Amino acid sequence: MTTKPIREPGPDHPITITINPKRVVIRVADRVIADTRAALTLRESSYPPVQYVPREHVDMTALTRTAHHTYCPYKGDCSYFSIPSLGERGTNAVWSYEAPYAAVGPIKDHLAFYPDRVTIEEI
């Protein structure tokens, strides 16, 4: 049995989480599937910022949980959802760290969306 490595954010791999002061609206075509003023912006190392939307502000009827899982040594185990209305393009288009490591604990109960598959507006 192998143990998954756990890493702490630091100077070589910084991670910050801040409250986004803007309204975040996520659309699939003309359908709004998320609308919140409580999004969290996660900035990790040199990656583009990611908006994490509280699950309670997402239309979960637009999503289907998948069996796909990944692992991040800084954030933990990651679960995925598809957006069936997008067809193949919607497969695993949404992710969530349902039991994140303490360093990124605020993203628990939040979802993130691949920006090349949905429209993410910050208003």
N, C-alpha and C. Protein backbone atom coordinates (compact mmCIF):
# COMPACT_ATOMS: atom_id res chain seq x y z
N MET A 1 0.84 -1.18 0.00
CA MET A 1 0.00 0.00 0.00
C MET A 1 0.88 1.24 0.00
N THR A 2 0.63 2.15 -0.94
CA THR A 2 1.39 3.38 -1.01
C THR A 2 0.62 4.53 -0.37
N THR A 3 1.36 5.38 0.29
CA THR A 3 0.76 6.56 0.91
C THR A 3 0.89 7.72 -0.07
N LYS A 4 -0.18 8.47 -0.19
CA LYS A 4 -0.14 9.64 -1.07
C LYS A 4 0.70 10.73 -0.41
N PRO A 5 1.57 11.38 -1.19
CA PRO A 5 2.37 12.46 -0.60
C PRO A 5 1.50 13.66 -0.27
N ILE A 6 1.80 14.31 0.83
CA ILE A 6 1.11 15.53 1.23
C ILE A 6 2.15 16.64 1.30
N ARG A 7 1.88 17.74 0.59
CA ARG A 7 2.81 18.86 0.57
C ARG A 7 2.11 20.11 1.09
N GLU A 8 2.87 20.93 1.76
CA GLU A 8 2.37 22.21 2.27
C GLU A 8 2.73 23.32 1.28
N PRO A 9 1.79 24.23 1.01
CA PRO A 9 2.14 25.39 0.20
C PRO A 9 3.26 26.18 0.88
N GLY A 10 4.09 26.78 0.07
CA GLY A 10 5.20 27.57 0.61
C GLY A 10 5.78 28.44 -0.48
N PRO A 11 6.96 29.02 -0.24
CA PRO A 11 7.57 29.93 -1.21
C PRO A 11 7.80 29.28 -2.58
N ASP A 12 8.09 27.98 -2.61
CA ASP A 12 8.34 27.30 -3.88
C ASP A 12 7.04 26.91 -4.60
N HIS A 13 5.92 26.87 -3.86
CA HIS A 13 4.62 26.53 -4.44
C HIS A 13 3.53 27.23 -3.61
N PRO A 14 3.39 28.56 -3.81
CA PRO A 14 2.42 29.30 -3.01
C PRO A 14 0.98 29.02 -3.43
N ILE A 15 0.09 29.02 -2.45
CA ILE A 15 -1.34 28.92 -2.69
C ILE A 15 -2.01 29.96 -1.79
N THR A 16 -2.83 30.80 -2.40
CA THR A 16 -3.61 31.75 -1.61
C THR A 16 -5.08 31.61 -1.99
N ILE A 17 -5.94 31.85 -1.02
CA ILE A 17 -7.39 31.81 -1.24
C ILE A 17 -7.95 33.12 -0.70
N THR A 18 -8.65 33.85 -1.57
CA THR A 18 -9.25 35.11 -1.17
C THR A 18 -10.71 35.14 -1.59
N ILE A 19 -11.49 35.96 -0.91
CA ILE A 19 -12.89 36.14 -1.29
C ILE A 19 -12.91 37.03 -2.53
N ASN A 20 -13.64 36.61 -3.54
CA ASN A 20 -13.76 37.42 -4.74
C ASN A 20 -14.82 38.49 -4.47
N PRO A 21 -14.47 39.76 -4.56
CA PRO A 21 -15.45 40.81 -4.27
C PRO A 21 -16.51 40.98 -5.35
N LYS A 22 -16.31 40.32 -6.49
CA LYS A 22 -17.25 40.45 -7.60
C LYS A 22 -18.28 39.32 -7.58
N ARG A 23 -19.35 39.54 -8.31
CA ARG A 23 -20.35 38.50 -8.54
C ARG A 23 -19.79 37.58 -9.63
N VAL A 24 -19.90 36.28 -9.41
CA VAL A 24 -19.43 35.30 -10.39
C VAL A 24 -20.64 34.55 -10.93
N VAL A 25 -20.79 34.59 -12.25
CA VAL A 25 -21.90 33.91 -12.92
C VAL A 25 -21.29 32.91 -13.90
N ILE A 26 -21.77 31.68 -13.83
CA ILE A 26 -21.28 30.63 -14.73
C ILE A 26 -22.44 30.17 -15.60
N ARG A 27 -22.19 30.20 -16.92
CA ARG A 27 -23.24 29.85 -17.89
C ARG A 27 -22.79 28.70 -18.78
N VAL A 28 -23.79 27.94 -19.16
CA VAL A 28 -23.63 26.93 -20.20
C VAL A 28 -24.62 27.35 -21.28
N ALA A 29 -24.10 27.85 -22.38
CA ALA A 29 -24.93 28.48 -23.42
C ALA A 29 -25.69 29.62 -22.74
N ASP A 30 -27.02 29.62 -22.79
CA ASP A 30 -27.80 30.69 -22.18
C ASP A 30 -28.27 30.35 -20.77
N ARG A 31 -27.93 29.18 -20.28
CA ARG A 31 -28.40 28.74 -18.96
C ARG A 31 -27.39 29.09 -17.87
N VAL A 32 -27.86 29.78 -16.85
CA VAL A 32 -27.03 30.08 -15.69
C VAL A 32 -27.03 28.85 -14.79
N ILE A 33 -25.83 28.30 -14.52
CA ILE A 33 -25.76 27.14 -13.63
C ILE A 33 -25.11 27.48 -12.29
N ALA A 34 -24.58 28.71 -12.18
CA ALA A 34 -24.06 29.17 -10.90
C ALA A 34 -24.10 30.69 -10.89
N ASP A 35 -24.46 31.23 -9.73
CA ASP A 35 -24.52 32.68 -9.57
C ASP A 35 -24.24 32.96 -8.09
N THR A 36 -23.14 33.66 -7.83
CA THR A 36 -22.76 33.87 -6.44
C THR A 36 -22.01 35.18 -6.23
N ARG A 37 -22.12 35.69 -5.03
CA ARG A 37 -21.29 36.80 -4.57
C ARG A 37 -20.36 36.29 -3.47
N ALA A 38 -20.19 34.96 -3.41
CA ALA A 38 -19.38 34.34 -2.36
C ALA A 38 -18.30 33.42 -2.93
N ALA A 39 -17.86 33.68 -4.15
CA ALA A 39 -16.82 32.85 -4.75
C ALA A 39 -15.48 33.09 -4.06
N LEU A 40 -14.67 32.06 -4.07
CA LEU A 40 -13.30 32.15 -3.57
C LEU A 40 -12.36 32.06 -4.76
N THR A 41 -11.34 32.90 -4.78
CA THR A 41 -10.33 32.84 -5.83
C THR A 41 -9.11 32.14 -5.27
N LEU A 42 -8.75 31.01 -5.87
CA LEU A 42 -7.57 30.27 -5.47
C LEU A 42 -6.47 30.56 -6.48
N ARG A 43 -5.37 31.04 -5.97
CA ARG A 43 -4.18 31.27 -6.81
C ARG A 43 -3.12 30.28 -6.35
N GLU A 44 -2.65 29.49 -7.31
CA GLU A 44 -1.68 28.44 -7.00
C GLU A 44 -0.48 28.55 -7.91
N SER A 45 0.66 28.79 -7.32
CA SER A 45 1.93 28.85 -8.03
C SER A 45 1.78 29.72 -9.28
N SER A 46 2.14 29.19 -10.45
CA SER A 46 2.07 29.97 -11.68
C SER A 46 0.82 29.66 -12.50
N TYR A 47 -0.12 28.90 -11.93
CA TYR A 47 -1.36 28.56 -12.65
C TYR A 47 -2.31 29.75 -12.68
N PRO A 48 -3.22 29.80 -13.65
CA PRO A 48 -4.22 30.87 -13.67
C PRO A 48 -5.13 30.77 -12.43
N PRO A 49 -5.65 31.89 -11.95
CA PRO A 49 -6.57 31.85 -10.80
C PRO A 49 -7.82 31.02 -11.13
N VAL A 50 -8.36 30.37 -10.11
CA VAL A 50 -9.54 29.53 -10.25
C VAL A 50 -10.62 30.04 -9.30
N GLN A 51 -11.84 30.15 -9.83
CA GLN A 51 -12.98 30.56 -9.00
C GLN A 51 -13.65 29.31 -8.43
N TYR A 52 -13.75 29.26 -7.11
CA TYR A 52 -14.44 28.18 -6.42
C TYR A 52 -15.78 28.72 -5.92
N VAL A 53 -16.86 28.13 -6.40
CA VAL A 53 -18.22 28.59 -6.12
C VAL A 53 -18.85 27.70 -5.05
N PRO A 54 -19.48 28.31 -4.04
CA PRO A 54 -20.15 27.49 -3.04
C PRO A 54 -21.17 26.55 -3.70
N ARG A 55 -21.16 25.32 -3.31
CA ARG A 55 -22.05 24.31 -3.89
C ARG A 55 -23.51 24.77 -3.81
N GLU A 56 -23.87 25.44 -2.73
CA GLU A 56 -25.26 25.88 -2.55
C GLU A 56 -25.68 26.93 -3.57
N HIS A 57 -24.72 27.51 -4.30
CA HIS A 57 -25.03 28.51 -5.33
C HIS A 57 -24.92 27.94 -6.75
N VAL A 58 -24.84 26.63 -6.83
CA VAL A 58 -24.73 25.94 -8.12
C VAL A 58 -26.01 25.13 -8.35
N ASP A 59 -26.52 25.18 -9.57
CA ASP A 59 -27.67 24.35 -9.93
C ASP A 59 -27.15 22.92 -10.13
N MET A 60 -27.20 22.14 -9.07
CA MET A 60 -26.65 20.78 -9.10
C MET A 60 -27.44 19.86 -10.03
N THR A 61 -28.66 20.26 -10.42
CA THR A 61 -29.43 19.44 -11.37
C THR A 61 -28.81 19.49 -12.76
N ALA A 62 -27.92 20.46 -13.01
CA ALA A 62 -27.25 20.58 -14.30
C ALA A 62 -25.99 19.71 -14.38
N LEU A 63 -25.62 19.08 -13.24
CA LEU A 63 -24.38 18.31 -13.16
C LEU A 63 -24.67 16.85 -12.84
N THR A 64 -23.74 16.00 -13.24
CA THR A 64 -23.80 14.58 -12.91
C THR A 64 -22.44 14.16 -12.37
N ARG A 65 -22.44 13.58 -11.17
CA ARG A 65 -21.17 13.10 -10.59
C ARG A 65 -20.62 11.98 -11.46
N THR A 66 -19.29 11.96 -11.61
CA THR A 66 -18.64 10.90 -12.37
C THR A 66 -17.75 10.07 -11.44
N ALA A 67 -17.23 9.00 -11.97
CA ALA A 67 -16.33 8.13 -11.20
C ALA A 67 -14.89 8.62 -11.26
N HIS A 68 -14.64 9.67 -12.04
CA HIS A 68 -13.27 10.18 -12.22
C HIS A 68 -12.77 10.84 -10.93
N HIS A 69 -11.54 10.56 -10.56
CA HIS A 69 -10.90 11.17 -9.39
C HIS A 69 -9.45 11.45 -9.72
N THR A 70 -8.92 12.51 -9.14
CA THR A 70 -7.50 12.81 -9.25
C THR A 70 -6.99 13.16 -7.86
N TYR A 71 -5.69 13.38 -7.78
CA TYR A 71 -5.08 13.71 -6.50
C TYR A 71 -4.10 14.85 -6.67
N CYS A 72 -4.16 15.80 -5.76
CA CYS A 72 -3.19 16.89 -5.70
C CYS A 72 -2.51 16.83 -4.35
N PRO A 73 -1.19 16.78 -4.30
CA PRO A 73 -0.52 16.69 -3.01
C PRO A 73 -0.69 17.94 -2.13
N TYR A 74 -1.15 19.04 -2.72
CA TYR A 74 -1.37 20.27 -1.96
C TYR A 74 -2.82 20.43 -1.50
N LYS A 75 -3.74 19.80 -2.24
CA LYS A 75 -5.16 20.00 -1.94
C LYS A 75 -5.89 18.72 -1.52
N GLY A 76 -5.45 17.57 -1.99
CA GLY A 76 -6.07 16.30 -1.61
C GLY A 76 -6.76 15.61 -2.77
N ASP A 77 -7.71 14.74 -2.44
CA ASP A 77 -8.45 13.98 -3.44
C ASP A 77 -9.50 14.88 -4.09
N CYS A 78 -9.65 14.73 -5.40
CA CYS A 78 -10.55 15.57 -6.17
C CYS A 78 -11.60 14.72 -6.87
N SER A 79 -12.86 15.13 -6.73
CA SER A 79 -13.98 14.47 -7.39
C SER A 79 -14.43 15.33 -8.57
N TYR A 80 -15.12 14.69 -9.51
CA TYR A 80 -15.53 15.40 -10.73
C TYR A 80 -17.01 15.24 -11.03
N PHE A 81 -17.51 16.21 -11.78
CA PHE A 81 -18.88 16.21 -12.27
C PHE A 81 -18.84 16.53 -13.76
N SER A 82 -19.83 16.00 -14.48
CA SER A 82 -19.98 16.35 -15.89
C SER A 82 -21.18 17.26 -16.05
N ILE A 83 -21.21 17.98 -17.16
CA ILE A 83 -22.34 18.80 -17.54
C ILE A 83 -22.95 18.12 -18.77
N PRO A 84 -23.97 17.27 -18.58
CA PRO A 84 -24.51 16.48 -19.69
C PRO A 84 -24.97 17.31 -20.89
N SER A 85 -25.48 18.51 -20.65
CA SER A 85 -25.98 19.32 -21.77
C SER A 85 -24.88 19.72 -22.75
N LEU A 86 -23.63 19.60 -22.34
CA LEU A 86 -22.50 19.92 -23.23
C LEU A 86 -22.01 18.71 -24.02
N GLY A 87 -22.63 17.56 -23.82
CA GLY A 87 -22.18 16.36 -24.50
C GLY A 87 -20.78 15.96 -24.03
N GLU A 88 -19.98 15.44 -24.94
CA GLU A 88 -18.63 14.97 -24.61
C GLU A 88 -17.77 16.08 -24.01
N ARG A 89 -17.96 17.29 -24.48
CA ARG A 89 -17.21 18.45 -23.97
C ARG A 89 -17.46 18.71 -22.49
N GLY A 90 -18.60 18.27 -21.99
CA GLY A 90 -18.95 18.48 -20.60
C GLY A 90 -18.44 17.42 -19.65
N THR A 91 -17.79 16.39 -20.17
CA THR A 91 -17.29 15.31 -19.33
C THR A 91 -16.21 15.83 -18.37
N ASN A 92 -16.43 15.59 -17.09
CA ASN A 92 -15.48 16.00 -16.04
C ASN A 92 -15.12 17.48 -16.13
N ALA A 93 -16.11 18.32 -16.43
CA ALA A 93 -15.88 19.76 -16.60
C ALA A 93 -15.87 20.53 -15.29
N VAL A 94 -16.23 19.85 -14.20
CA VAL A 94 -16.37 20.50 -12.90
C VAL A 94 -15.64 19.65 -11.87
N TRP A 95 -14.96 20.30 -10.93
CA TRP A 95 -14.27 19.52 -9.90
C TRP A 95 -14.50 20.09 -8.52
N SER A 96 -14.22 19.24 -7.52
CA SER A 96 -14.44 19.62 -6.13
C SER A 96 -13.50 18.85 -5.22
N TYR A 97 -12.93 19.54 -4.26
CA TYR A 97 -12.15 18.91 -3.20
C TYR A 97 -13.09 18.80 -2.00
N GLU A 98 -13.68 17.64 -1.82
CA GLU A 98 -14.73 17.49 -0.81
C GLU A 98 -14.18 17.35 0.60
N ALA A 99 -12.93 16.94 0.71
CA ALA A 99 -12.25 16.87 2.02
C ALA A 99 -10.83 17.40 1.83
N PRO A 100 -10.71 18.71 1.54
CA PRO A 100 -9.38 19.26 1.22
C PRO A 100 -8.47 19.28 2.43
N TYR A 101 -7.18 19.33 2.16
CA TYR A 101 -6.20 19.48 3.23
C TYR A 101 -6.42 20.82 3.93
N ALA A 102 -5.96 20.90 5.17
CA ALA A 102 -6.19 22.09 6.01
C ALA A 102 -5.71 23.39 5.35
N ALA A 103 -4.60 23.33 4.63
CA ALA A 103 -4.04 24.54 4.02
C ALA A 103 -5.00 25.19 3.01
N VAL A 104 -5.91 24.41 2.47
CA VAL A 104 -6.89 24.93 1.50
C VAL A 104 -8.32 24.63 1.96
N GLY A 105 -8.48 24.48 3.25
CA GLY A 105 -9.77 24.13 3.85
C GLY A 105 -10.95 24.97 3.39
N PRO A 106 -10.79 26.26 3.12
CA PRO A 106 -11.94 27.07 2.70
C PRO A 106 -12.62 26.60 1.42
N ILE A 107 -11.95 25.82 0.55
CA ILE A 107 -12.60 25.40 -0.70
C ILE A 107 -13.53 24.19 -0.51
N LYS A 108 -13.60 23.67 0.72
CA LYS A 108 -14.55 22.58 0.99
C LYS A 108 -15.96 23.08 0.66
N ASP A 109 -16.77 22.20 0.11
CA ASP A 109 -18.15 22.52 -0.28
C ASP A 109 -18.23 23.56 -1.40
N HIS A 110 -17.17 23.65 -2.21
CA HIS A 110 -17.13 24.54 -3.37
C HIS A 110 -16.86 23.72 -4.63
N LEU A 111 -17.25 24.27 -5.77
CA LEU A 111 -17.00 23.65 -7.07
C LEU A 111 -16.22 24.61 -7.95
N ALA A 112 -15.39 24.06 -8.82
CA ALA A 112 -14.66 24.85 -9.81
C ALA A 112 -14.98 24.31 -11.20
N PHE A 113 -14.94 25.18 -12.18
CA PHE A 113 -15.34 24.85 -13.55
C PHE A 113 -14.20 25.14 -14.51
N TYR A 114 -13.98 24.23 -15.48
CA TYR A 114 -12.97 24.50 -16.50
C TYR A 114 -13.45 25.65 -17.37
N PRO A 115 -12.69 26.75 -17.44
CA PRO A 115 -13.14 27.93 -18.18
C PRO A 115 -13.22 27.76 -19.69
N ASP A 116 -12.63 26.69 -20.22
CA ASP A 116 -12.73 26.46 -21.66
C ASP A 116 -14.00 25.67 -22.01
N ARG A 117 -14.81 25.33 -20.99
CA ARG A 117 -16.03 24.55 -21.24
C ARG A 117 -17.30 25.30 -20.85
N VAL A 118 -17.15 26.31 -20.03
CA VAL A 118 -18.29 27.14 -19.61
C VAL A 118 -17.87 28.61 -19.74
N THR A 119 -18.84 29.49 -19.60
CA THR A 119 -18.53 30.92 -19.58
C THR A 119 -18.54 31.35 -18.12
N ILE A 120 -17.43 31.93 -17.67
CA ILE A 120 -17.32 32.42 -16.30
C ILE A 120 -17.20 33.93 -16.39
N GLU A 121 -18.20 34.61 -15.80
CA GLU A 121 -18.20 36.07 -15.80
C GLU A 121 -17.98 36.58 -14.39
N GLU A 122 -17.12 37.57 -14.27
CA GLU A 122 -16.96 38.29 -13.01
C GLU A 122 -17.51 39.70 -13.24
N ILE A 123 -18.59 39.98 -12.55
CA ILE A 123 -19.33 41.22 -12.80
C ILE A 123 -19.10 42.19 -11.65
